[in-house]
């Protein structure tokens, strides 16, 4: 007998373009669903800088990870975990 995992059903992630933007998890400002796997891509002009500011931030220890890459998600591009 096989059982199905109950995974997050709300969409999570996307592309942010332009001079500024906001990234929020599903359900914000309340908790996010279990097994949420969100990938956000931030696109800007070649000579522009990206500044990330975390105003409200909560992770479940030993379960949640935030990784920031400069470019494709490859080990050599990892900037922060």
C-alpha atoms as a PDB file:
ATOM      1  CA  UNK A   1       0.000   0.000   0.000  1.00  0.00           C
ATOM      2  CA  UNK A   2       1.338   3.433  -0.920  1.00  0.00           C
ATOM      3  CA  UNK A   3       0.480   6.653   0.831  1.00  0.00           C
ATOM      4  CA  UNK A   4       0.734  10.117  -0.646  1.00  0.00           C
ATOM      5  CA  UNK A   5       2.678  12.850   1.129  1.00  0.00           C
ATOM      6  CA  UNK A   6       0.609  15.863   1.987  1.00  0.00           C
ATOM      7  CA  UNK A   7       2.614  18.633   0.357  1.00  0.00           C
ATOM      8  CA  UNK A   8       2.022  22.375   0.227  1.00  0.00           C
ATOM      9  CA  UNK A   9      -0.738  23.134  -2.247  1.00  0.00           C
ATOM     10  CA  UNK A  10      -0.381  26.915  -2.376  1.00  0.00           C
ATOM     11  CA  UNK A  11       1.902  28.237  -5.094  1.00  0.00           C
ATOM     12  CA  UNK A  12       5.167  29.550  -3.747  1.00  0.00           C
ATOM     13  CA  UNK A  13       7.913  31.374  -5.574  1.00  0.00           C
ATOM     14  CA  UNK A  14       8.139  33.320  -8.782  1.00  0.00           C
ATOM     15  CA  UNK A  15      10.028  36.104 -10.499  1.00  0.00           C
ATOM     16  CA  UNK A  16      10.517  39.626  -9.140  1.00  0.00           C
ATOM     17  CA  UNK A  17      11.549  42.279 -11.670  1.00  0.00           C
ATOM     18  CA  UNK A  18      11.876  46.034 -11.512  1.00  0.00           C
ATOM     19  CA  UNK A  19      13.380  48.591  -9.195  1.00  0.00           C
ATOM     20  CA  UNK A  20      11.859  47.083  -6.029  1.00  0.00           C
ATOM     21  CA  UNK A  21       9.576  44.324  -4.892  1.00  0.00           C
ATOM     22  CA  UNK A  22       8.299  42.262  -1.999  1.00  0.00           C
ATOM     23  CA  UNK A  23       8.629  38.534  -1.418  1.00  0.00           C
ATOM     24  CA  UNK A  24       6.229  36.844   1.003  1.00  0.00           C
ATOM     25  CA  UNK A  25       5.619  33.224   1.887  1.00  0.00           C
ATOM     26  CA  UNK A  26       2.163  31.694   1.381  1.00  0.00           C
ATOM     27  CA  UNK A  27      -0.149  32.616   4.244  1.00  0.00           C
ATOM     28  CA  UNK A  28       1.920  35.627   5.365  1.00  0.00           C
ATOM     29  CA  UNK A  29       1.676  37.120   7.980  1.00  0.00           C
ATOM     30  CA  UNK A  30       0.585  33.791   9.443  1.00  0.00           C
ATOM     31  CA  UNK A  31       2.518  30.535   9.236  1.00  0.00           C
ATOM     32  CA  UNK A  32       3.390  28.914   5.946  1.00  0.00           C
ATOM     33  CA  UNK A  33       2.287  25.392   5.004  1.00  0.00           C
ATOM     34  CA  UNK A  34       4.355  22.310   5.769  1.00  0.00           C
ATOM     35  CA  UNK A  35       6.694  21.196   2.981  1.00  0.00           C
ATOM     36  CA  UNK A  36       6.662  24.630   1.336  1.00  0.00           C
ATOM     37  CA  UNK A  37       9.473  24.763  -1.205  1.00  0.00           C
ATOM     38  CA  UNK A  38       9.752  28.302  -2.543  1.00  0.00           C
ATOM     39  CA  UNK A  39      12.165  29.549  -5.170  1.00  0.00           C
ATOM     40  CA  UNK A  40      12.253  33.238  -6.014  1.00  0.00           C
ATOM     41  CA  UNK A  41      14.256  34.660  -8.889  1.00  0.00           C
ATOM     42  CA  UNK A  42      15.172  38.347  -8.682  1.00  0.00           C
ATOM     43  CA  UNK A  43      15.988  39.919 -12.044  1.00  0.00           C
ATOM     44  CA  UNK A  44      17.606  43.322 -12.516  1.00  0.00           C
ATOM     45  CA  UNK A  45      19.784  45.155 -15.008  1.00  0.00           C
ATOM     46  CA  UNK A  46      23.397  44.077 -15.324  1.00  0.00           C
ATOM     47  CA  UNK A  47      24.837  47.078 -13.466  1.00  0.00           C
ATOM     48  CA  UNK A  48      22.141  47.263 -10.784  1.00  0.00           C
ATOM     49  CA  UNK A  49      22.571  46.000  -7.228  1.00  0.00           C
ATOM     50  CA  UNK A  50      20.137  43.859  -5.298  1.00  0.00           C
ATOM     51  CA  UNK A  51      19.623  44.628  -1.621  1.00  0.00           C
ATOM     52  CA  UNK A  52      17.709  42.147   0.521  1.00  0.00           C
ATOM     53  CA  UNK A  53      16.076  43.365   3.742  1.00  0.00           C
ATOM     54  CA  UNK A  54      14.348  40.868   6.010  1.00  0.00           C
ATOM     55  CA  UNK A  55      11.640  42.608   8.050  1.00  0.00           C
ATOM     56  CA  UNK A  56       9.796  39.582   9.443  1.00  0.00           C
ATOM     57  CA  UNK A  57      11.579  36.278   9.446  1.00  0.00           C
ATOM     58  CA  UNK A  58      10.962  32.971  11.224  1.00  0.00           C
ATOM     59  CA  UNK A  59      12.349  29.539  10.416  1.00  0.00           C
ATOM     60  CA  UNK A  60      11.710  26.197  12.058  1.00  0.00           C
ATOM     61  CA  UNK A  61      15.076  25.014  13.379  1.00  0.00           C
ATOM     62  CA  UNK A  62      16.451  21.854  11.712  1.00  0.00           C
ATOM     63  CA  UNK A  63      13.772  21.975   8.992  1.00  0.00           C
ATOM     64  CA  UNK A  64      13.891  25.309   7.154  1.00  0.00           C
ATOM     65  CA  UNK A  65      16.697  26.747   5.063  1.00  0.00           C
ATOM     66  CA  UNK A  66      17.146  30.025   3.205  1.00  0.00           C
ATOM     67  CA  UNK A  67      19.840  29.995   0.524  1.00  0.00           C
ATOM     68  CA  UNK A  68      20.892  32.994  -1.568  1.00  0.00           C
ATOM     69  CA  UNK A  69      22.687  32.470  -4.879  1.00  0.00           C
ATOM     70  CA  UNK A  70      24.263  34.881  -7.330  1.00  0.00           C
ATOM     71  CA  UNK A  71      23.159  33.218 -10.561  1.00  0.00           C
ATOM     72  CA  UNK A  72      21.993  29.628 -10.967  1.00  0.00           C
ATOM     73  CA  UNK A  73      21.561  27.547  -7.783  1.00  0.00           C
ATOM     74  CA  UNK A  74      24.956  25.837  -7.923  1.00  0.00           C
ATOM     75  CA  UNK A  75      27.475  25.434  -5.076  1.00  0.00           C
ATOM     76  CA  UNK A  76      29.915  27.965  -6.581  1.00  0.00           C
ATOM     77  CA  UNK A  77      27.177  30.620  -6.679  1.00  0.00           C
ATOM     78  CA  UNK A  78      26.054  30.210  -3.060  1.00  0.00           C
ATOM     79  CA  UNK A  79      26.366  33.537  -1.245  1.00  0.00           C
ATOM     80  CA  UNK A  80      24.557  32.812   2.019  1.00  0.00           C
ATOM     81  CA  UNK A  81      22.812  29.921   3.750  1.00  0.00           C
END
